Amino acid sequence: MAQNRKKIVVFGSIVHDLISYTSRFPRPGESIRGNSFHQGAGGKGANQAVAAALLGANVAMIGKVGDDIFADFNIASMQKAGVETSAVEKVAGSTTGTATITVSEAGGENSIVVTLGANLEMSPVTAEAAETVIASFRSAGILLCQAEIPDAATKKAFEIGKKRGVTTFLNPAPGDPHLDQSMLAFVDIICVNENEAKFITGIAAPNPAQAEKAARAMLERGPMVAIVTLGPQGCLLAERSDGSSEIVVSLLPAESVTAVDTTGAGDCFCGSFVALLAAGIPLKEAARRAVMIASLSVMRKGTQSSYSSRAELTSSGFADLVVGI
């Protein structure tokens, strides 16, 4: 295991998942029977923190939960994976965020309604905690944020991250056409899916050619690296050299797998990718491995429960994915 890996600070959301599996999605006004039910810890911030920690990364989470029955469950899930949670705050009188998820047996696709609850209490003042946590990690190197908390809080966290000299990573998910794009000036790496790419650039990215156009447009907004995830097609990686106008583009295909549940696959990619970067794995290789790790996650039900640990990957024949971590 690498001894010089950088520490990761995740500033983001914590959401409790309530998942129903059905043969198909219900039509408006229709009630159908589910085949099974699963509840588990979730939220894009927590998911990405857990995915990174399971691969052996040193991760701290900054976020908020309510004072309800879901709070301790979600904190415990992160702790079990190895995430430091001392900066996770319980908000009196508030509810832990919840996601009501329906998963169709047809391809494992999902439909989600998220109620953010205590996550909406995240603010620029909360972001000041990021500086304290970063400072407490002597070799903190990566700050990871999403778009499931107020933009003002995320932007402030990135400003603090840049001041502290850490690599800033934005996954602007779930997609929001009203995202405050001024924060991109403080972002080193941005990772989006097709919908998020369109919200930011106006360019739909259903295929590699369009994804490259969107990635180049995002690089013009400040980041040094843009990643567009393409589901079963893998991902496109675009990188511009510091002080140079040259942009290197790579398409990293995914292996064909049978999807059971795609919920949280994008979070698995982001968390795994950041864990690999923190261990010193080169950018392109980190993205290639993260695509594969995320592909494996869709073969299991659930969100955080579908993510593989470093030990599981090694024992199941995928030791090459965690070499150097």
C-alpha atoms as a PDB file:
ATOM      1  CA  MET A   1       0.000   0.000   0.000  1.00  0.00           C
ATOM      2  CA  ALA A   2       1.332   3.452  -0.919  1.00  0.00           C
ATOM      3  CA  GLN A   3       2.641   5.369   2.071  1.00  0.00           C
ATOM      4  CA  ASN A   4       2.830   8.816   0.445  1.00  0.00           C
ATOM      5  CA  ARG A   5      -0.765   9.112  -0.668  1.00  0.00           C
ATOM      6  CA  LYS A   6      -2.437  12.489  -0.278  1.00  0.00           C
ATOM      7  CA  LYS A   7      -5.405  12.949   2.008  1.00  0.00           C
ATOM      8  CA  ILE A   8      -8.910  13.612   0.636  1.00  0.00           C
ATOM      9  CA  VAL A   9     -11.446  16.025   2.102  1.00  0.00           C
ATOM     10  CA  VAL A  10     -15.041  15.598   0.884  1.00  0.00           C
ATOM     11  CA  PHE A  11     -17.324  18.601   1.353  1.00  0.00           C
ATOM     12  CA  GLY A  12     -20.832  17.578   0.391  1.00  0.00           C
ATOM     13  CA  SER A  13     -24.125  15.810   0.933  1.00  0.00           C
ATOM     14  CA  ILE A  14     -25.345  12.947   3.091  1.00  0.00           C
ATOM     15  CA  VAL A  15     -28.648  11.327   2.053  1.00  0.00           C
ATOM     16  CA  HIS A  16     -30.476   8.202   3.230  1.00  0.00           C
ATOM     17  CA  ASP A  17     -31.547   5.978   0.322  1.00  0.00           C
ATOM     18  CA  LEU A  18     -34.938   4.238   0.195  1.00  0.00           C
ATOM     19  CA  ILE A  19     -34.853   1.943  -2.855  1.00  0.00           C
ATOM     20  CA  SER A  20     -37.701  -0.019  -4.436  1.00  0.00           C
ATOM     21  CA  TYR A  21     -36.960  -2.520  -7.230  1.00  0.00           C
ATOM     22  CA  THR A  22     -39.717  -2.980  -9.815  1.00  0.00           C
ATOM     23  CA  SER A  23     -40.248  -4.663 -13.170  1.00  0.00           C
ATOM     24  CA  ARG A  24     -40.862  -1.242 -14.718  1.00  0.00           C
ATOM     25  CA  PHE A  25     -41.373   2.391 -13.750  1.00  0.00           C
ATOM     26  CA  PRO A  26     -44.949   3.368 -12.804  1.00  0.00           C
ATOM     27  CA  ARG A  27     -46.835   5.705 -15.111  1.00  0.00           C
ATOM     28  CA  PRO A  28     -48.199   9.004 -13.697  1.00  0.00           C
ATOM     29  CA  GLY A  29     -51.064   8.221 -11.325  1.00  0.00           C
ATOM     30  CA  GLU A  30     -50.309   4.487 -11.351  1.00  0.00           C
ATOM     31  CA  SER A  31     -49.472   2.306  -8.341  1.00  0.00           C
ATOM     32  CA  ILE A  32     -47.467  -0.851  -9.007  1.00  0.00           C
ATOM     33  CA  ARG A  33     -45.967  -3.501  -6.744  1.00  0.00           C
ATOM     34  CA  GLY A  34     -42.288  -3.621  -6.044  1.00  0.00           C
ATOM     35  CA  ASN A  35     -40.259  -6.822  -6.128  1.00  0.00           C
ATOM     36  CA  SER A  36     -37.940  -5.934  -3.266  1.00  0.00           C
ATOM     37  CA  PHE A  37     -36.868  -3.036  -1.038  1.00  0.00           C
ATOM     38  CA  HIS A  38     -33.495  -1.860   0.207  1.00  0.00           C
ATOM     39  CA  GLN A  39     -32.466   1.030   2.392  1.00  0.00           C
ATOM     40  CA  GLY A  40     -28.957   2.278   2.798  1.00  0.00           C
ATOM     41  CA  ALA A  41     -26.617   5.185   3.297  1.00  0.00           C
ATOM     42  CA  GLY A  42     -26.186   7.556   0.382  1.00  0.00           C
ATOM     43  CA  GLY A  43     -25.793  11.141  -0.777  1.00  0.00           C
ATOM     44  CA  LYS A  44     -23.265  12.078  -3.418  1.00  0.00           C
ATOM     45  CA  GLY A  45     -20.742  13.423  -0.941  1.00  0.00           C
ATOM     46  CA  ALA A  46     -20.956  10.435   1.390  1.00  0.00           C
ATOM     47  CA  ASN A  47     -20.997   7.976  -1.529  1.00  0.00           C
ATOM     48  CA  GLN A  48     -17.803   9.378  -2.976  1.00  0.00           C
ATOM     49  CA  ALA A  49     -16.132   9.491   0.425  1.00  0.00           C
ATOM     50  CA  VAL A  50     -16.999   5.831   1.036  1.00  0.00           C
ATOM     51  CA  ALA A  51     -15.888   4.721  -2.440  1.00  0.00           C
ATOM     52  CA  ALA A  52     -12.500   6.378  -1.887  1.00  0.00           C
ATOM     53  CA  ALA A  53     -12.065   5.080   1.660  1.00  0.00           C
ATOM     54  CA  LEU A  54     -12.878   1.494   0.676  1.00  0.00           C
ATOM     55  CA  LEU A  55      -9.905   1.603  -1.686  1.00  0.00           C
ATOM     56  CA  GLY A  56      -7.637   2.582   1.193  1.00  0.00           C
ATOM     57  CA  ALA A  57      -7.653   6.377   0.826  1.00  0.00           C
ATOM     58  CA  ASN A  58      -7.454   8.598   3.909  1.00  0.00           C
ATOM     59  CA  VAL A  59     -10.738  10.506   3.740  1.00  0.00           C
ATOM     60  CA  ALA A  60     -12.486  13.095   5.908  1.00  0.00           C
ATOM     61  CA  MET A  61     -16.137  14.058   5.385  1.00  0.00           C
ATOM     62  CA  ILE A  62     -17.645  17.487   6.069  1.00  0.00           C
ATOM     63  CA  GLY A  63     -21.448  17.500   5.950  1.00  0.00           C
ATOM     64  CA  LYS A  64     -24.694  17.727   7.891  1.00  0.00           C
ATOM     65  CA  VAL A  65     -27.433  15.318   8.952  1.00  0.00           C
ATOM     66  CA  GLY A  66     -30.646  15.832  10.897  1.00  0.00           C
ATOM     67  CA  ASP A  67     -31.550  14.667  14.389  1.00  0.00           C
ATOM     68  CA  ASP A  68     -33.713  11.799  13.145  1.00  0.00           C
ATOM     69  CA  ILE A  69     -33.447   8.009  12.896  1.00  0.00           C
ATOM     70  CA  PHE A  70     -31.382   8.145   9.699  1.00  0.00           C
ATOM     71  CA  ALA A  71     -28.543  10.292  11.060  1.00  0.00           C
ATOM     72  CA  ASP A  72     -26.557   7.723  13.038  1.00  0.00           C
ATOM     73  CA  PHE A  73     -27.078   5.053  10.376  1.00  0.00           C
ATOM     74  CA  ASN A  74     -25.411   7.214   7.724  1.00  0.00           C
ATOM     75  CA  ILE A  75     -22.564   8.341   9.963  1.00  0.00           C
ATOM     76  CA  ALA A  76     -21.905   4.725  10.975  1.00  0.00           C
ATOM     77  CA  SER A  77     -21.830   3.615   7.333  1.00  0.00           C
ATOM     78  CA  MET A  78     -19.100   6.126   6.567  1.00  0.00           C
ATOM     79  CA  GLN A  79     -17.133   5.187   9.665  1.00  0.00           C
ATOM     80  CA  LYS A  80     -17.340   1.488   8.785  1.00  0.00           C
ATOM     81  CA  ALA A  81     -15.750   2.259   5.419  1.00  0.00           C
ATOM     82  CA  GLY A  82     -12.955   4.170   7.135  1.00  0.00           C
ATOM     83  CA  VAL A  83     -14.130   7.762   6.613  1.00  0.00           C
ATOM     84  CA  GLU A  84     -13.252  10.330   9.309  1.00  0.00           C
ATOM     85  CA  THR A  85     -16.599  11.880  10.371  1.00  0.00           C
ATOM     86  CA  SER A  86     -15.744  14.278  13.214  1.00  0.00           C
ATOM     87  CA  ALA A  87     -16.731  17.220  10.970  1.00  0.00           C
ATOM     88  CA  VAL A  88     -20.207  15.791  10.255  1.00  0.00           C
ATOM     89  CA  GLU A  89     -22.730  17.894  12.201  1.00  0.00           C
ATOM     90  CA  LYS A  90     -26.168  16.929  13.480  1.00  0.00           C
ATOM     91  CA  VAL A  91     -28.611  19.807  12.932  1.00  0.00           C
ATOM     92  CA  ALA A  92     -31.268  20.060  15.638  1.00  0.00           C
ATOM     93  CA  GLY A  93     -34.807  20.289  14.289  1.00  0.00           C
ATOM     94  CA  SER A  94     -33.785  19.255  10.789  1.00  0.00           C
ATOM     95  CA  THR A  95     -34.123  16.006   8.851  1.00  0.00           C
ATOM     96  CA  THR A  96     -31.429  13.921   7.263  1.00  0.00           C
ATOM     97  CA  GLY A  97     -31.613  14.119   3.472  1.00  0.00           C
ATOM     98  CA  THR A  98     -33.571  11.296   1.855  1.00  0.00           C
ATOM     99  CA  ALA A  99     -33.700   9.815  -1.646  1.00  0.00           C
ATOM    100  CA  THR A 100     -36.724   7.828  -2.777  1.00  0.00           C
ATOM    101  CA  ILE A 101     -35.378   5.630  -5.569  1.00  0.00           C
ATOM    102  CA  THR A 102     -37.144   3.341  -8.006  1.00  0.00           C
ATOM    103  CA  VAL A 103     -34.974   0.863  -9.917  1.00  0.00           C
ATOM    104  CA  SER A 104     -36.346  -0.882 -13.012  1.00  0.00           C
ATOM    105  CA  GLU A 105     -35.290  -4.440 -13.810  1.00  0.00           C
ATOM    106  CA  ALA A 106     -34.828  -3.304 -17.412  1.00  0.00           C
ATOM    107  CA  GLY A 107     -31.139  -2.396 -17.418  1.00  0.00           C
ATOM    108  CA  GLY A 108     -31.032  -1.371 -13.780  1.00  0.00           C
ATOM    109  CA  GLU A 109     -31.996   2.217 -14.614  1.00  0.00           C
ATOM    110  CA  ASN A 110     -33.288   4.424 -11.807  1.00  0.00           C
ATOM    111  CA  SER A 111     -35.650   7.291 -11.059  1.00  0.00           C
ATOM    112  CA  ILE A 112     -34.891   9.384  -7.970  1.00  0.00           C
ATOM    113  CA  VAL A 113     -36.610  12.021  -5.824  1.00  0.00           C
ATOM    114  CA  VAL A 114     -34.233  13.696  -3.362  1.00  0.00           C
ATOM    115  CA  THR A 115     -35.293  15.744  -0.327  1.00  0.00           C
ATOM    116  CA  LEU A 116     -32.111  17.434   0.884  1.00  0.00           C
ATOM    117  CA  GLY A 117     -33.078  18.333   4.466  1.00  0.00           C
ATOM    118  CA  ALA A 118     -30.029  19.222   6.565  1.00  0.00           C
ATOM    119  CA  ASN A 119     -27.824  19.387   3.476  1.00  0.00           C
ATOM    120  CA  LEU A 120     -29.424  22.757   2.711  1.00  0.00           C
ATOM    121  CA  GLU A 121     -27.903  24.053   5.965  1.00  0.00           C
ATOM    122  CA  MET A 122     -24.438  23.857   4.397  1.00  0.00           C
ATOM    123  CA  SER A 123     -23.171  27.431   3.969  1.00  0.00           C
ATOM    124  CA  PRO A 124     -20.005  29.489   3.384  1.00  0.00           C
ATOM    125  CA  VAL A 125     -19.575  29.511   7.157  1.00  0.00           C
ATOM    126  CA  THR A 126     -19.654  25.710   7.138  1.00  0.00           C
ATOM    127  CA  ALA A 127     -17.009  25.796   4.422  1.00  0.00           C
ATOM    128  CA  GLU A 128     -14.584  27.385   6.856  1.00  0.00           C
ATOM    129  CA  ALA A 129     -14.506  23.975   8.531  1.00  0.00           C
ATOM    130  CA  ALA A 130     -12.876  22.701   5.357  1.00  0.00           C
ATOM    131  CA  GLU A 131      -9.817  24.822   6.061  1.00  0.00           C
ATOM    132  CA  THR A 132      -9.545  23.402   9.571  1.00  0.00           C
ATOM    133  CA  VAL A 133      -9.841  19.838   8.298  1.00  0.00           C
ATOM    134  CA  ILE A 134      -7.400  20.411   5.447  1.00  0.00           C
ATOM    135  CA  ALA A 135      -4.927  21.932   7.880  1.00  0.00           C
ATOM    136  CA  SER A 136      -5.302  18.941  10.204  1.00  0.00           C
ATOM    137  CA  PHE A 137      -4.281  16.616   7.350  1.00  0.00           C
ATOM    138  CA  ARG A 138      -0.585  17.351   7.030  1.00  0.00           C
ATOM    139  CA  SER A 139      -0.454  16.140   3.449  1.00  0.00           C
ATOM    140  CA  ALA A 140      -4.028  16.994   2.407  1.00  0.00           C
ATOM    141  CA  GLY A 141      -4.060  17.179  -1.354  1.00  0.00           C
ATOM    142  CA  ILE A 142      -7.580  16.834  -2.793  1.00  0.00           C
ATOM    143  CA  LEU A 143     -10.862  18.606  -2.041  1.00  0.00           C
ATOM    144  CA  LEU A 144     -13.872  16.844  -3.549  1.00  0.00           C
ATOM    145  CA  CYS A 145     -17.286  18.562  -3.938  1.00  0.00           C
ATOM    146  CA  GLN A 146     -20.590  17.910  -5.697  1.00  0.00           C
ATOM    147  CA  ALA A 147     -23.762  19.932  -6.406  1.00  0.00           C
ATOM    148  CA  GLU A 148     -26.147  18.506  -3.808  1.00  0.00           C
ATOM    149  CA  ILE A 149     -25.607  21.374  -1.351  1.00  0.00           C
ATOM    150  CA  PRO A 150     -25.959  25.157  -1.867  1.00  0.00           C
ATOM    151  CA  ASP A 151     -23.588  26.578  -4.496  1.00  0.00           C
ATOM    152  CA  ALA A 152     -22.383  29.340  -2.180  1.00  0.00           C
ATOM    153  CA  ALA A 153     -21.039  26.771   0.265  1.00  0.00           C
ATOM    154  CA  THR A 154     -19.282  24.782  -2.463  1.00  0.00           C
ATOM    155  CA  LYS A 155     -17.726  27.890  -4.026  1.00  0.00           C
ATOM    156  CA  LYS A 156     -16.388  29.040  -0.662  1.00  0.00           C
ATOM    157  CA  ALA A 157     -14.911  25.598  -0.005  1.00  0.00           C
ATOM    158  CA  PHE A 158     -13.124  25.719  -3.370  1.00  0.00           C
ATOM    159  CA  GLU A 159     -11.773  29.205  -2.640  1.00  0.00           C
ATOM    160  CA  ILE A 160     -10.351  27.873   0.630  1.00  0.00           C
ATOM    161  CA  GLY A 161      -8.982  24.798  -1.116  1.00  0.00           C
ATOM    162  CA  LYS A 162      -7.138  26.864  -3.696  1.00  0.00           C
ATOM    163  CA  LYS A 163      -5.735  29.099  -0.950  1.00  0.00           C
ATOM    164  CA  ARG A 164      -4.415  25.984   0.768  1.00  0.00           C
ATOM    165  CA  GLY A 165      -2.893  24.672  -2.462  1.00  0.00           C
ATOM    166  CA  VAL A 166      -4.928  21.475  -2.739  1.00  0.00           C
ATOM    167  CA  THR A 167      -6.283  19.953  -5.951  1.00  0.00           C
ATOM    168  CA  THR A 168      -9.966  20.833  -6.315  1.00  0.00           C
ATOM    169  CA  PHE A 169     -12.396  18.370  -7.902  1.00  0.00           C
ATOM    170  CA  LEU A 170     -15.999  19.159  -8.830  1.00  0.00           C
ATOM    171  CA  ASN A 171     -18.660  16.639  -9.766  1.00  0.00           C
ATOM    172  CA  PRO A 172     -21.626  18.982 -10.478  1.00  0.00           C
ATOM    173  CA  ALA A 173     -24.203  16.287  -9.832  1.00  0.00           C
ATOM    174  CA  PRO A 174     -27.098  16.115  -9.820  1.00  0.00           C
ATOM    175  CA  GLY A 175     -27.227  18.358 -12.863  1.00  0.00           C
ATOM    176  CA  ASP A 176     -28.533  21.877 -12.301  1.00  0.00           C
ATOM    177  CA  PRO A 177     -29.005  24.370 -15.145  1.00  0.00           C
ATOM    178  CA  HIS A 178     -28.654  27.161 -12.583  1.00  0.00           C
ATOM    179  CA  LEU A 179     -25.268  26.051 -11.229  1.00  0.00           C
ATOM    180  CA  ASP A 180     -23.084  29.029 -10.269  1.00  0.00           C
ATOM    181  CA  GLN A 181     -20.429  28.557 -12.933  1.00  0.00           C
ATOM    182  CA  SER A 182     -18.183  31.205 -11.405  1.00  0.00           C
ATOM    183  CA  MET A 183     -16.928  28.453  -9.084  1.00  0.00           C
ATOM    184  CA  LEU A 184     -15.245  26.777 -12.081  1.00  0.00           C
ATOM    185  CA  ALA A 185     -12.458  29.345 -11.808  1.00  0.00           C
ATOM    186  CA  PHE A 186     -11.424  27.542  -8.595  1.00  0.00           C
ATOM    187  CA  VAL A 187     -11.765  23.991  -9.989  1.00  0.00           C
ATOM    188  CA  ASP A 188      -8.813  21.898 -11.220  1.00  0.00           C
ATOM    189  CA  ILE A 189     -10.761  18.790 -12.281  1.00  0.00           C
ATOM    190  CA  ILE A 190     -14.402  18.617 -13.339  1.00  0.00           C
ATOM    191  CA  CYS A 191     -16.286  15.369 -13.942  1.00  0.00           C
ATOM    192  CA  VAL A 192     -19.753  15.352 -15.528  1.00  0.00           C
ATOM    193  CA  ASN A 193     -22.198  12.992 -17.176  1.00  0.00           C
ATOM    194  CA  GLU A 194     -24.114  13.710 -20.375  1.00  0.00           C
ATOM    195  CA  ASN A 195     -26.844  15.809 -18.745  1.00  0.00           C
ATOM    196  CA  GLU A 196     -24.462  17.790 -16.564  1.00  0.00           C
ATOM    197  CA  ALA A 197     -22.264  18.532 -19.574  1.00  0.00           C
ATOM    198  CA  LYS A 198     -25.248  20.015 -21.376  1.00  0.00           C
ATOM    199  CA  PHE A 199     -26.273  22.149 -18.391  1.00  0.00           C
ATOM    200  CA  ILE A 200     -22.781  23.659 -18.173  1.00  0.00           C
ATOM    201  CA  THR A 201     -21.841  24.002 -21.839  1.00  0.00           C
ATOM    202  CA  GLY A 202     -25.092  23.739 -23.778  1.00  0.00           C
ATOM    203  CA  ILE A 203     -23.588  20.768 -25.620  1.00  0.00           C
ATOM    204  CA  ALA A 204     -25.311  17.393 -25.360  1.00  0.00           C
ATOM    205  CA  ALA A 205     -22.749  14.603 -24.950  1.00  0.00           C
ATOM    206  CA  PRO A 206     -24.338  11.214 -25.755  1.00  0.00           C
ATOM    207  CA  ASN A 207     -21.256   9.977 -27.640  1.00  0.00           C
ATOM    208  CA  PRO A 208     -17.473  10.465 -27.572  1.00  0.00           C
ATOM    209  CA  ALA A 209     -17.415  13.086 -30.348  1.00  0.00           C
ATOM    210  CA  GLN A 210     -19.919  15.319 -28.576  1.00  0.00           C
ATOM    211  CA  ALA A 211     -18.296  14.591 -25.219  1.00  0.00           C
ATOM    212  CA  GLU A 212     -15.003  15.936 -26.555  1.00  0.00           C
ATOM    213  CA  LYS A 213     -16.686  19.163 -27.644  1.00  0.00           C
ATOM    214  CA  ALA A 214     -18.250  19.541 -24.197  1.00  0.00           C
ATOM    215  CA  ALA A 215     -14.965  18.741 -22.438  1.00  0.00           C
ATOM    216  CA  ARG A 216     -13.078  21.355 -24.455  1.00  0.00           C
ATOM    217  CA  ALA A 217     -15.774  23.922 -23.642  1.00  0.00           C
ATOM    218  CA  MET A 218     -15.449  23.155 -19.913  1.00  0.00           C
ATOM    219  CA  LEU A 219     -11.678  23.572 -20.046  1.00  0.00           C
ATOM    220  CA  GLU A 220     -12.236  27.107 -21.345  1.00  0.00           C
ATOM    221  CA  ARG A 221     -14.020  27.904 -18.069  1.00  0.00           C
ATOM    222  CA  GLY A 222     -11.009  27.256 -15.823  1.00  0.00           C
ATOM    223  CA  PRO A 223     -10.396  23.569 -15.044  1.00  0.00           C
ATOM    224  CA  MET A 224      -7.201  21.837 -16.182  1.00  0.00           C
ATOM    225  CA  VAL A 225      -8.941  18.470 -16.587  1.00  0.00           C
ATOM    226  CA  ALA A 226     -12.454  17.639 -17.818  1.00  0.00           C
ATOM    227  CA  ILE A 227     -13.998  14.177 -17.673  1.00  0.00           C
ATOM    228  CA  VAL A 228     -17.275  13.200 -19.311  1.00  0.00           C
ATOM    229  CA  THR A 229     -18.637   9.846 -18.158  1.00  0.00           C
ATOM    230  CA  LEU A 230     -20.542   7.944 -20.842  1.00  0.00           C
ATOM    231  CA  GLY A 231     -22.118   5.053 -18.948  1.00  0.00           C
ATOM    232  CA  PRO A 232     -21.454   1.745 -20.740  1.00  0.00           C
ATOM    233  CA  GLN A 233     -19.239   3.602 -23.242  1.00  0.00           C
ATOM    234  CA  GLY A 234     -16.708   4.468 -20.518  1.00  0.00           C
ATOM    235  CA  CYS A 235     -15.440   8.020 -20.213  1.00  0.00           C
ATOM    236  CA  LEU A 236     -13.656  10.753 -22.133  1.00  0.00           C
ATOM    237  CA  LEU A 237     -10.716  12.528 -20.494  1.00  0.00           C
ATOM    238  CA  ALA A 238      -9.446  15.912 -21.698  1.00  0.00           C
ATOM    239  CA  GLU A 239      -6.386  17.549 -20.138  1.00  0.00           C
ATOM    240  CA  ARG A 240      -4.645  20.832 -20.927  1.00  0.00           C
ATOM    241  CA  SER A 241      -1.023  21.330 -20.041  1.00  0.00           C
ATOM    242  CA  ASP A 242      -0.150  24.069 -17.580  1.00  0.00           C
ATOM    243  CA  GLY A 243       0.906  27.155 -19.504  1.00  0.00           C
ATOM    244  CA  SER A 244       0.079  25.507 -22.819  1.00  0.00           C
ATOM    245  CA  SER A 245      -2.889  25.581 -25.173  1.00  0.00           C
ATOM    246  CA  GLU A 246      -2.426  21.917 -26.064  1.00  0.00           C
ATOM    247  CA  ILE A 247      -5.279  19.613 -25.034  1.00  0.00           C
ATOM    248  CA  VAL A 248      -4.784  15.841 -24.835  1.00  0.00           C
ATOM    249  CA  VAL A 249      -7.965  13.786 -25.238  1.00  0.00           C
ATOM    250  CA  SER A 250      -8.347  10.098 -24.331  1.00  0.00           C
ATOM    251  CA  LEU A 251     -11.335   7.769 -24.647  1.00  0.00           C
ATOM    252  CA  LEU A 252     -11.354   5.077 -21.984  1.00  0.00           C
ATOM    253  CA  PRO A 253     -13.906   2.343 -22.789  1.00  0.00           C
ATOM    254  CA  ALA A 254     -15.810   0.325 -20.204  1.00  0.00           C
ATOM    255  CA  GLU A 255     -16.052  -3.451 -20.061  1.00  0.00           C
ATOM    256  CA  SER A 256     -19.440  -4.938 -20.931  1.00  0.00           C
ATOM    257  CA  VAL A 257     -21.319  -5.990 -17.789  1.00  0.00           C
ATOM    258  CA  THR A 258     -24.885  -6.927 -16.886  1.00  0.00           C
ATOM    259  CA  ALA A 259     -26.300  -4.000 -14.927  1.00  0.00           C
ATOM    260  CA  VAL A 260     -28.486  -4.761 -11.919  1.00  0.00           C
ATOM    261  CA  ASP A 261     -28.601  -1.291 -10.355  1.00  0.00           C
ATOM    262  CA  THR A 262     -26.847   1.800 -11.765  1.00  0.00           C
ATOM    263  CA  THR A 263     -27.606   3.932  -8.683  1.00  0.00           C
ATOM    264  CA  GLY A 264     -24.424   5.571  -7.406  1.00  0.00           C
ATOM    265  CA  ALA A 265     -22.188   4.401 -10.256  1.00  0.00           C
ATOM    266  CA  GLY A 266     -21.098   7.944 -11.056  1.00  0.00           C
ATOM    267  CA  ASP A 267     -20.223   8.499  -7.404  1.00  0.00           C
ATOM    268  CA  CYS A 268     -18.244   5.267  -7.403  1.00  0.00           C
ATOM    269  CA  PHE A 269     -16.266   6.518 -10.396  1.00  0.00           C
ATOM    270  CA  CYS A 270     -15.494   9.877  -8.773  1.00  0.00           C
ATOM    271  CA  GLY A 271     -14.527   8.440  -5.400  1.00  0.00           C
ATOM    272  CA  SER A 272     -12.399   5.695  -6.946  1.00  0.00           C
ATOM    273  CA  PHE A 273     -10.721   8.123  -9.347  1.00  0.00           C
ATOM    274  CA  VAL A 274      -9.798  10.517  -6.540  1.00  0.00           C
ATOM    275  CA  ALA A 275      -8.501   7.647  -4.370  1.00  0.00           C
ATOM    276  CA  LEU A 276      -6.256   6.531  -7.222  1.00  0.00           C
ATOM    277  CA  LEU A 277      -5.010  10.077  -7.833  1.00  0.00           C
ATOM    278  CA  ALA A 278      -4.289  10.510  -4.128  1.00  0.00           C
ATOM    279  CA  ALA A 279      -2.120   7.368  -4.267  1.00  0.00           C
ATOM    280  CA  GLY A 280      -0.062   8.859  -7.095  1.00  0.00           C
ATOM    281  CA  ILE A 281      -1.590   6.884  -9.982  1.00  0.00           C
ATOM    282  CA  PRO A 282      -1.234   8.888 -13.248  1.00  0.00           C
ATOM    283  CA  LEU A 283      -4.354  10.691 -14.443  1.00  0.00           C
ATOM    284  CA  LYS A 284      -5.223   8.546 -17.468  1.00  0.00           C
ATOM    285  CA  GLU A 285      -4.548   5.274 -15.671  1.00  0.00           C
ATOM    286  CA  ALA A 286      -6.594   6.424 -12.678  1.00  0.00           C
ATOM    287  CA  ALA A 287      -9.545   7.172 -14.965  1.00  0.00           C
ATOM    288  CA  ARG A 288      -9.198   3.801 -16.725  1.00  0.00           C
ATOM    289  CA  ARG A 289      -9.264   1.907 -13.451  1.00  0.00           C
ATOM    290  CA  ALA A 290     -12.113   4.018 -12.039  1.00  0.00           C
ATOM    291  CA  VAL A 291     -14.254   3.180 -15.079  1.00  0.00           C
ATOM    292  CA  MET A 292     -13.777  -0.524 -14.367  1.00  0.00           C
ATOM    293  CA  ILE A 293     -14.421  -0.201 -10.630  1.00  0.00           C
ATOM    294  CA  ALA A 294     -17.624   1.734 -11.322  1.00  0.00           C
ATOM    295  CA  SER A 295     -18.679  -0.872 -13.894  1.00  0.00           C
ATOM    296  CA  LEU A 296     -18.360  -3.581 -11.261  1.00  0.00           C
ATOM    297  CA  SER A 297     -20.578  -1.590  -8.878  1.00  0.00           C
ATOM    298  CA  VAL A 298     -23.612  -1.726 -11.194  1.00  0.00           C
ATOM    299  CA  MET A 299     -23.626  -5.517 -10.876  1.00  0.00           C
ATOM    300  CA  ARG A 300     -24.771  -5.190  -7.245  1.00  0.00           C
ATOM    301  CA  LYS A 301     -27.870  -3.690  -5.655  1.00  0.00           C
ATOM    302  CA  GLY A 302     -27.708  -0.536  -3.576  1.00  0.00           C
ATOM    303  CA  THR A 303     -25.449   2.487  -3.534  1.00  0.00           C
ATOM    304  CA  GLN A 304     -22.608   2.402  -0.991  1.00  0.00           C
ATOM    305  CA  SER A 305     -23.350  -1.290  -0.453  1.00  0.00           C
ATOM    306  CA  SER A 306     -22.479  -1.936  -4.109  1.00  0.00           C
ATOM    307  CA  TYR A 307     -18.945  -0.536  -3.827  1.00  0.00           C
ATOM    308  CA  SER A 308     -15.996  -2.928  -3.611  1.00  0.00           C
ATOM    309  CA  SER A 309     -13.207  -2.606  -1.082  1.00  0.00           C
ATOM    310  CA  ARG A 310      -9.548  -2.934  -1.965  1.00  0.00           C
ATOM    311  CA  ALA A 311      -9.516  -6.420  -0.404  1.00  0.00           C
ATOM    312  CA  GLU A 312     -12.619  -7.540  -2.323  1.00  0.00           C
ATOM    313  CA  LEU A 313     -11.186  -6.408  -5.645  1.00  0.00           C
ATOM    314  CA  THR A 314      -7.935  -8.219  -4.917  1.00  0.00           C
ATOM    315  CA  SER A 315      -9.606 -11.468  -3.885  1.00  0.00           C
ATOM    316  CA  SER A 316     -12.030 -11.479  -6.836  1.00  0.00           C
ATOM    317  CA  GLY A 317      -9.359 -11.259  -9.522  1.00  0.00           C
ATOM    318  CA  PHE A 318      -9.077  -7.504  -9.983  1.00  0.00           C
ATOM    319  CA  ALA A 319      -5.853  -6.898  -8.086  1.00  0.00           C
ATOM    320  CA  ASP A 320      -4.519  -4.925 -11.074  1.00  0.00           C
ATOM    321  CA  LEU A 321      -7.084  -2.205 -10.335  1.00  0.00           C
ATOM    322  CA  VAL A 322      -5.623  -1.484  -6.891  1.00  0.00           C
ATOM    323  CA  VAL A 323      -1.903  -1.883  -7.572  1.00  0.00           C
ATOM    324  CA  GLY A 324      -0.091   1.108  -6.088  1.00  0.00           C
ATOM    325  CA  ILE A 325      -2.876   2.198  -3.751  1.00  0.00           C
END
